[in-house]
């Protein structure tokens, strides 16, 4: 049930957004073991003249960049899984955007289960409810 917010440089492109959402969802399912049917992805576009790295715009750098921000429940992934995820995300965006600036970022927020949820129910509530039903 992660929410993934992605910002990239460029002009809005529905086909690219769909490809990004699919790739991010697939990598998240494969490497972080998150259910793709309840993974949400939002893609935002920023003009490269308005995104700066090292004091220069990405337009000046002549390259693209991205920022991926994902929230997952804390303790549900290992350090090795997170490392593999970050590597795979960087590679995917390199392919999708035709190469990316080294200062492109992905950030995995591990948040408490009691403070995170969807449909008005926390992940902690869902976990406890599931355990009670199994007992």
N, C-alpha and C. Protein backbone atom coordinates (compact mmCIF):
# COMPACT_ATOMS: atom_id res chain seq x y z
N UNK A 1 0.80 -1.19 0.00
CA UNK A 1 0.00 0.00 0.00
C UNK A 1 0.84 1.25 0.00
N UNK A 2 1.96 1.16 -0.59
CA UNK A 2 2.76 2.39 -0.56
C UNK A 2 2.16 3.48 -1.45
N UNK A 3 2.49 4.69 -1.09
CA UNK A 3 2.23 5.84 -1.96
C UNK A 3 3.58 6.27 -2.48
N UNK A 4 3.68 6.44 -3.79
CA UNK A 4 4.93 6.84 -4.43
C UNK A 4 4.69 8.16 -5.14
N UNK A 5 5.42 9.18 -4.73
CA UNK A 5 5.38 10.48 -5.39
C UNK A 5 6.66 10.63 -6.19
N UNK A 6 6.50 10.96 -7.45
CA UNK A 6 7.65 11.07 -8.35
C UNK A 6 7.61 12.41 -9.05
N UNK A 7 8.74 13.10 -9.02
CA UNK A 7 8.90 14.33 -9.80
C UNK A 7 10.02 14.08 -10.80
N UNK A 8 9.80 14.53 -12.02
CA UNK A 8 10.83 14.41 -13.05
C UNK A 8 10.91 15.72 -13.82
N UNK A 9 12.04 15.92 -14.48
CA UNK A 9 12.16 17.09 -15.33
C UNK A 9 11.54 16.77 -16.69
N UNK A 10 10.93 17.79 -17.27
CA UNK A 10 10.35 17.62 -18.59
C UNK A 10 8.93 18.16 -18.66
N UNK A 11 8.34 18.00 -19.84
CA UNK A 11 6.97 18.42 -20.07
C UNK A 11 6.04 17.24 -19.81
N UNK A 12 4.84 17.51 -19.29
CA UNK A 12 3.90 16.42 -19.02
C UNK A 12 3.69 15.52 -20.24
N UNK A 13 3.73 14.22 -19.99
CA UNK A 13 3.62 13.22 -21.05
C UNK A 13 2.88 12.02 -20.45
N UNK A 14 1.64 11.83 -20.85
CA UNK A 14 0.80 10.77 -20.27
C UNK A 14 1.39 9.39 -20.51
N UNK A 15 1.95 9.16 -21.67
CA UNK A 15 2.53 7.85 -21.98
C UNK A 15 3.74 7.58 -21.07
N UNK A 16 4.58 8.58 -20.88
CA UNK A 16 5.74 8.44 -19.99
C UNK A 16 5.28 8.24 -18.55
N UNK A 17 4.27 8.99 -18.13
CA UNK A 17 3.74 8.83 -16.77
C UNK A 17 3.27 7.40 -16.53
N UNK A 18 2.56 6.83 -17.50
CA UNK A 18 2.07 5.46 -17.37
C UNK A 18 3.23 4.47 -17.29
N UNK A 19 4.26 4.69 -18.10
CA UNK A 19 5.44 3.81 -18.06
C UNK A 19 6.16 3.92 -16.72
N UNK A 20 6.28 5.13 -16.21
CA UNK A 20 6.92 5.35 -14.92
C UNK A 20 6.11 4.68 -13.81
N UNK A 21 4.80 4.85 -13.81
CA UNK A 21 3.95 4.25 -12.78
C UNK A 21 4.05 2.73 -12.82
N UNK A 22 4.04 2.17 -14.01
CA UNK A 22 4.15 0.71 -14.15
C UNK A 22 5.50 0.21 -13.64
N UNK A 23 6.57 0.86 -14.06
CA UNK A 23 7.91 0.44 -13.65
C UNK A 23 8.10 0.59 -12.14
N UNK A 24 7.69 1.72 -11.58
CA UNK A 24 7.83 1.93 -10.14
C UNK A 24 7.02 0.92 -9.34
N UNK A 25 5.81 0.64 -9.79
CA UNK A 25 4.96 -0.35 -9.11
C UNK A 25 5.57 -1.74 -9.19
N UNK A 26 6.06 -2.11 -10.37
CA UNK A 26 6.67 -3.44 -10.55
C UNK A 26 7.91 -3.62 -9.69
N UNK A 27 8.79 -2.62 -9.67
CA UNK A 27 10.01 -2.71 -8.87
C UNK A 27 9.67 -2.76 -7.38
N UNK A 28 8.68 -1.98 -6.98
CA UNK A 28 8.25 -1.95 -5.58
C UNK A 28 7.67 -3.31 -5.17
N UNK A 29 6.90 -3.92 -6.04
CA UNK A 29 6.34 -5.24 -5.75
C UNK A 29 7.44 -6.30 -5.67
N UNK A 30 8.34 -6.27 -6.62
CA UNK A 30 9.38 -7.29 -6.70
C UNK A 30 10.40 -7.17 -5.56
N UNK A 31 10.89 -5.97 -5.30
CA UNK A 31 12.00 -5.82 -4.37
C UNK A 31 11.60 -5.46 -2.94
N UNK A 32 10.46 -4.77 -2.78
CA UNK A 32 10.00 -4.43 -1.44
C UNK A 32 8.79 -5.26 -1.00
N UNK A 33 8.32 -6.14 -1.91
CA UNK A 33 7.23 -7.07 -1.60
C UNK A 33 5.93 -6.35 -1.25
N UNK A 34 5.63 -5.26 -1.96
CA UNK A 34 4.41 -4.50 -1.71
C UNK A 34 3.37 -4.88 -2.75
N UNK A 35 2.14 -4.97 -2.31
CA UNK A 35 1.02 -5.37 -3.16
C UNK A 35 0.77 -4.33 -4.25
N UNK A 36 0.95 -4.71 -5.51
CA UNK A 36 0.76 -3.73 -6.59
C UNK A 36 -0.68 -3.26 -6.75
N UNK A 37 -1.64 -4.04 -6.25
CA UNK A 37 -3.04 -3.65 -6.43
C UNK A 37 -3.43 -2.50 -5.51
N UNK A 38 -2.61 -2.21 -4.50
CA UNK A 38 -2.89 -1.08 -3.61
C UNK A 38 -1.71 -0.12 -3.52
N UNK A 39 -0.93 -0.08 -4.59
CA UNK A 39 0.18 0.86 -4.70
C UNK A 39 -0.29 2.06 -5.50
N UNK A 40 -0.11 3.25 -4.96
CA UNK A 40 -0.52 4.48 -5.65
C UNK A 40 0.73 5.23 -6.11
N UNK A 41 0.66 5.79 -7.32
CA UNK A 41 1.79 6.53 -7.89
C UNK A 41 1.27 7.86 -8.45
N UNK A 42 1.94 8.94 -8.08
CA UNK A 42 1.64 10.27 -8.63
C UNK A 42 2.92 10.77 -9.31
N UNK A 43 2.78 11.22 -10.55
CA UNK A 43 3.93 11.71 -11.32
C UNK A 43 3.74 13.20 -11.59
N UNK A 44 4.75 13.98 -11.23
CA UNK A 44 4.75 15.42 -11.45
C UNK A 44 5.91 15.80 -12.36
N UNK A 45 5.69 16.82 -13.16
CA UNK A 45 6.72 17.29 -14.09
C UNK A 45 7.16 18.69 -13.71
N UNK A 46 8.46 18.90 -13.80
CA UNK A 46 9.05 20.20 -13.50
C UNK A 46 9.92 20.61 -14.69
N UNK A 47 9.73 21.82 -15.15
CA UNK A 47 10.54 22.35 -16.24
C UNK A 47 12.01 22.29 -15.83
N UNK A 48 12.89 21.75 -16.67
CA UNK A 48 14.30 21.64 -16.30
C UNK A 48 14.97 22.97 -15.99
N UNK A 49 14.36 24.07 -16.42
CA UNK A 49 14.91 25.39 -16.08
C UNK A 49 14.63 25.75 -14.62
N UNK A 50 13.73 25.00 -13.98
CA UNK A 50 13.34 25.28 -12.61
C UNK A 50 13.82 24.21 -11.62
N UNK A 51 14.69 23.33 -12.06
CA UNK A 51 15.27 22.30 -11.19
C UNK A 51 16.77 22.50 -11.22
N UNK A 52 17.37 22.67 -10.05
CA UNK A 52 18.78 23.02 -9.98
C UNK A 52 19.59 21.94 -9.27
N UNK A 53 20.77 21.73 -9.74
CA UNK A 53 21.71 20.81 -9.12
C UNK A 53 23.10 21.42 -9.24
N UNK A 54 23.76 21.56 -8.10
CA UNK A 54 25.08 22.17 -8.12
C UNK A 54 25.08 23.60 -8.59
N UNK A 55 23.95 24.30 -8.37
CA UNK A 55 23.86 25.71 -8.75
C UNK A 55 23.51 25.96 -10.21
N UNK A 56 23.34 24.89 -10.99
CA UNK A 56 22.98 25.03 -12.39
C UNK A 56 21.66 24.31 -12.66
N UNK A 57 20.87 24.88 -13.56
CA UNK A 57 19.61 24.22 -13.89
C UNK A 57 19.89 22.94 -14.67
N UNK A 58 18.93 22.03 -14.64
CA UNK A 58 19.07 20.81 -15.41
C UNK A 58 19.08 21.11 -16.90
N UNK A 59 18.44 22.21 -17.28
CA UNK A 59 18.51 22.65 -18.68
C UNK A 59 19.96 22.96 -19.05
N UNK A 60 20.67 23.63 -18.14
CA UNK A 60 22.09 23.93 -18.38
C UNK A 60 22.93 22.66 -18.38
N UNK A 61 22.59 21.72 -17.51
CA UNK A 61 23.31 20.45 -17.47
C UNK A 61 23.03 19.62 -18.73
N UNK A 62 21.88 19.88 -19.35
CA UNK A 62 21.52 19.12 -20.55
C UNK A 62 21.15 17.68 -20.24
N UNK A 63 20.58 17.46 -19.07
CA UNK A 63 20.20 16.10 -18.69
C UNK A 63 18.89 16.15 -17.91
N UNK A 64 18.39 14.98 -17.55
CA UNK A 64 17.15 14.86 -16.79
C UNK A 64 17.47 14.43 -15.37
N UNK A 65 16.47 14.54 -14.52
CA UNK A 65 16.61 14.07 -13.16
C UNK A 65 15.25 13.64 -12.63
N UNK A 66 15.28 12.99 -11.48
CA UNK A 66 14.04 12.56 -10.84
C UNK A 66 14.19 12.61 -9.33
N UNK A 67 13.06 12.62 -8.67
CA UNK A 67 12.97 12.50 -7.21
C UNK A 67 11.83 11.55 -6.95
N UNK A 68 12.12 10.41 -6.35
CA UNK A 68 11.09 9.44 -5.98
C UNK A 68 11.01 9.41 -4.47
N UNK A 69 9.81 9.51 -3.96
CA UNK A 69 9.56 9.54 -2.52
C UNK A 69 8.48 8.50 -2.24
N UNK A 70 8.84 7.47 -1.48
CA UNK A 70 7.90 6.38 -1.20
C UNK A 70 7.77 6.19 0.30
N UNK A 71 6.55 5.92 0.75
CA UNK A 71 6.29 5.64 2.15
C UNK A 71 5.91 4.16 2.30
N UNK A 72 6.60 3.49 3.23
CA UNK A 72 6.31 2.09 3.55
C UNK A 72 6.29 1.95 5.08
N UNK A 73 5.69 0.88 5.57
CA UNK A 73 5.64 0.65 7.01
C UNK A 73 7.02 0.24 7.50
N UNK A 74 7.44 0.84 8.61
CA UNK A 74 8.77 0.56 9.14
C UNK A 74 8.91 -0.91 9.54
N UNK A 75 10.11 -1.41 9.33
CA UNK A 75 10.41 -2.78 9.71
C UNK A 75 9.95 -3.83 8.73
N UNK A 76 9.39 -3.42 7.58
CA UNK A 76 8.89 -4.41 6.62
C UNK A 76 9.92 -4.76 5.54
N UNK A 77 11.05 -4.07 5.54
CA UNK A 77 12.09 -4.34 4.55
C UNK A 77 13.46 -4.32 5.21
N UNK A 78 14.36 -5.14 4.67
CA UNK A 78 15.73 -5.18 5.17
C UNK A 78 16.57 -4.11 4.48
N UNK A 79 17.75 -3.86 5.03
CA UNK A 79 18.67 -2.91 4.42
C UNK A 79 19.08 -3.37 3.02
N UNK A 80 19.26 -4.66 2.84
CA UNK A 80 19.64 -5.18 1.53
C UNK A 80 18.52 -5.00 0.51
N UNK A 81 17.28 -5.19 0.94
CA UNK A 81 16.14 -4.95 0.04
C UNK A 81 16.07 -3.48 -0.34
N UNK A 82 16.26 -2.60 0.62
CA UNK A 82 16.23 -1.16 0.34
C UNK A 82 17.36 -0.77 -0.61
N UNK A 83 18.54 -1.32 -0.39
CA UNK A 83 19.68 -1.04 -1.27
C UNK A 83 19.39 -1.49 -2.70
N UNK A 84 18.86 -2.69 -2.87
CA UNK A 84 18.52 -3.21 -4.20
C UNK A 84 17.44 -2.35 -4.85
N UNK A 85 16.49 -1.90 -4.05
CA UNK A 85 15.40 -1.05 -4.56
C UNK A 85 15.95 0.26 -5.11
N UNK A 86 16.79 0.93 -4.33
CA UNK A 86 17.35 2.21 -4.77
C UNK A 86 18.15 2.05 -6.06
N UNK A 87 18.92 0.98 -6.16
CA UNK A 87 19.71 0.72 -7.37
C UNK A 87 18.79 0.47 -8.57
N UNK A 88 17.77 -0.33 -8.37
CA UNK A 88 16.84 -0.65 -9.46
C UNK A 88 16.07 0.59 -9.92
N UNK A 89 15.65 1.43 -8.97
CA UNK A 89 14.92 2.65 -9.32
C UNK A 89 15.81 3.57 -10.15
N UNK A 90 17.05 3.76 -9.73
CA UNK A 90 17.96 4.63 -10.48
C UNK A 90 18.16 4.09 -11.89
N UNK A 91 18.35 2.79 -12.04
CA UNK A 91 18.50 2.18 -13.36
C UNK A 91 17.26 2.34 -14.23
N UNK A 92 16.10 2.16 -13.62
CA UNK A 92 14.84 2.28 -14.38
C UNK A 92 14.65 3.70 -14.91
N UNK A 93 14.92 4.68 -14.06
CA UNK A 93 14.75 6.06 -14.51
C UNK A 93 15.80 6.43 -15.57
N UNK A 94 16.97 5.86 -15.47
CA UNK A 94 17.97 6.07 -16.51
C UNK A 94 17.45 5.59 -17.86
N UNK A 95 16.81 4.43 -17.85
CA UNK A 95 16.23 3.89 -19.11
C UNK A 95 15.03 4.72 -19.56
N UNK A 96 14.14 5.04 -18.63
CA UNK A 96 12.90 5.74 -18.99
C UNK A 96 13.14 7.17 -19.46
N UNK A 97 14.11 7.84 -18.86
CA UNK A 97 14.35 9.25 -19.18
C UNK A 97 15.54 9.44 -20.12
N UNK A 98 16.16 8.37 -20.52
CA UNK A 98 17.30 8.48 -21.43
C UNK A 98 18.55 8.97 -20.72
N UNK A 99 18.80 8.47 -19.53
CA UNK A 99 19.93 8.91 -18.72
C UNK A 99 19.49 9.96 -17.74
N UNK A 100 20.07 9.93 -16.55
CA UNK A 100 19.71 10.90 -15.52
C UNK A 100 20.97 11.45 -14.86
N UNK A 101 20.83 12.65 -14.37
CA UNK A 101 21.90 13.31 -13.62
C UNK A 101 22.23 12.47 -12.39
N UNK A 102 23.49 12.42 -12.02
CA UNK A 102 23.92 11.66 -10.84
C UNK A 102 23.17 12.09 -9.59
N UNK A 103 22.84 13.36 -9.49
CA UNK A 103 22.10 13.86 -8.34
C UNK A 103 20.60 13.74 -8.56
N UNK A 104 20.19 12.51 -8.82
CA UNK A 104 18.78 12.13 -8.86
C UNK A 104 18.55 11.31 -7.60
N UNK A 105 17.36 11.42 -7.03
CA UNK A 105 17.18 10.87 -5.69
C UNK A 105 15.97 9.97 -5.56
N UNK A 106 16.10 8.99 -4.67
CA UNK A 106 14.98 8.17 -4.22
C UNK A 106 15.06 8.12 -2.71
N UNK A 107 13.94 8.27 -2.06
CA UNK A 107 13.90 8.30 -0.61
C UNK A 107 12.78 7.39 -0.13
N UNK A 108 13.15 6.39 0.66
CA UNK A 108 12.18 5.46 1.23
C UNK A 108 11.93 5.89 2.67
N UNK A 109 10.72 6.37 2.93
CA UNK A 109 10.32 6.72 4.30
C UNK A 109 9.75 5.47 4.95
N UNK A 110 10.34 5.06 6.05
CA UNK A 110 9.77 3.97 6.82
C UNK A 110 9.00 4.61 7.97
N UNK A 111 7.69 4.46 7.92
CA UNK A 111 6.83 5.15 8.88
C UNK A 111 6.13 4.15 9.81
N UNK A 112 5.77 4.58 11.02
CA UNK A 112 5.10 3.67 11.95
C UNK A 112 3.76 3.18 11.39
N UNK A 113 3.47 1.90 11.62
CA UNK A 113 2.23 1.30 11.13
C UNK A 113 0.99 1.99 11.67
N UNK A 114 1.09 2.53 12.89
CA UNK A 114 -0.06 3.21 13.50
C UNK A 114 -0.32 4.57 12.86
N UNK A 115 0.66 5.10 12.13
CA UNK A 115 0.53 6.44 11.56
C UNK A 115 0.35 6.42 10.05
N UNK A 116 0.05 5.25 9.49
CA UNK A 116 0.03 5.12 8.04
C UNK A 116 -1.06 4.15 7.64
N UNK A 117 -1.84 4.52 6.65
CA UNK A 117 -2.88 3.62 6.21
C UNK A 117 -3.65 4.16 5.03
N UNK A 118 -4.71 3.49 4.69
CA UNK A 118 -5.60 3.91 3.61
C UNK A 118 -7.01 3.47 3.95
N UNK A 119 -7.98 4.08 3.31
CA UNK A 119 -9.37 3.73 3.57
C UNK A 119 -9.81 4.01 5.00
N UNK A 120 -9.10 4.91 5.67
CA UNK A 120 -9.46 5.27 7.03
C UNK A 120 -8.98 4.29 8.09
N UNK A 121 -8.16 3.31 7.71
CA UNK A 121 -7.65 2.33 8.67
C UNK A 121 -6.12 2.30 8.59
N UNK A 122 -5.50 2.26 9.77
CA UNK A 122 -4.04 2.21 9.80
C UNK A 122 -3.57 0.80 9.43
N UNK A 123 -2.31 0.72 9.05
CA UNK A 123 -1.72 -0.59 8.76
C UNK A 123 -1.63 -1.42 10.04
N UNK A 124 -1.45 -0.77 11.17
CA UNK A 124 -1.42 -1.49 12.44
C UNK A 124 -2.78 -2.13 12.72
N UNK A 125 -3.85 -1.39 12.47
CA UNK A 125 -5.20 -1.93 12.64
C UNK A 125 -5.39 -3.14 11.73
N UNK A 126 -4.97 -3.01 10.48
CA UNK A 126 -5.12 -4.12 9.53
C UNK A 126 -4.33 -5.35 9.99
N UNK A 127 -3.12 -5.13 10.49
CA UNK A 127 -2.30 -6.24 10.97
C UNK A 127 -2.96 -6.94 12.15
N UNK A 128 -3.38 -6.17 13.14
CA UNK A 128 -3.99 -6.76 14.33
C UNK A 128 -5.29 -7.46 13.96
N UNK A 129 -6.10 -6.84 13.13
CA UNK A 129 -7.35 -7.48 12.70
C UNK A 129 -7.09 -8.80 12.00
N UNK A 130 -6.08 -8.82 11.16
CA UNK A 130 -5.74 -10.05 10.45
C UNK A 130 -5.27 -11.15 11.40
N UNK A 131 -4.49 -10.77 12.40
CA UNK A 131 -4.01 -11.76 13.39
C UNK A 131 -5.18 -12.30 14.21
N UNK A 132 -6.13 -11.44 14.58
CA UNK A 132 -7.28 -11.89 15.36
C UNK A 132 -8.15 -12.84 14.56
N UNK A 133 -8.31 -12.57 13.27
CA UNK A 133 -9.11 -13.45 12.41
C UNK A 133 -8.43 -14.80 12.25
N UNK A 134 -7.10 -14.81 12.23
CA UNK A 134 -6.35 -16.05 12.05
C UNK A 134 -6.37 -16.92 13.32
N UNK A 135 -6.62 -16.29 14.47
CA UNK A 135 -6.58 -17.02 15.74
C UNK A 135 -7.80 -17.82 16.01
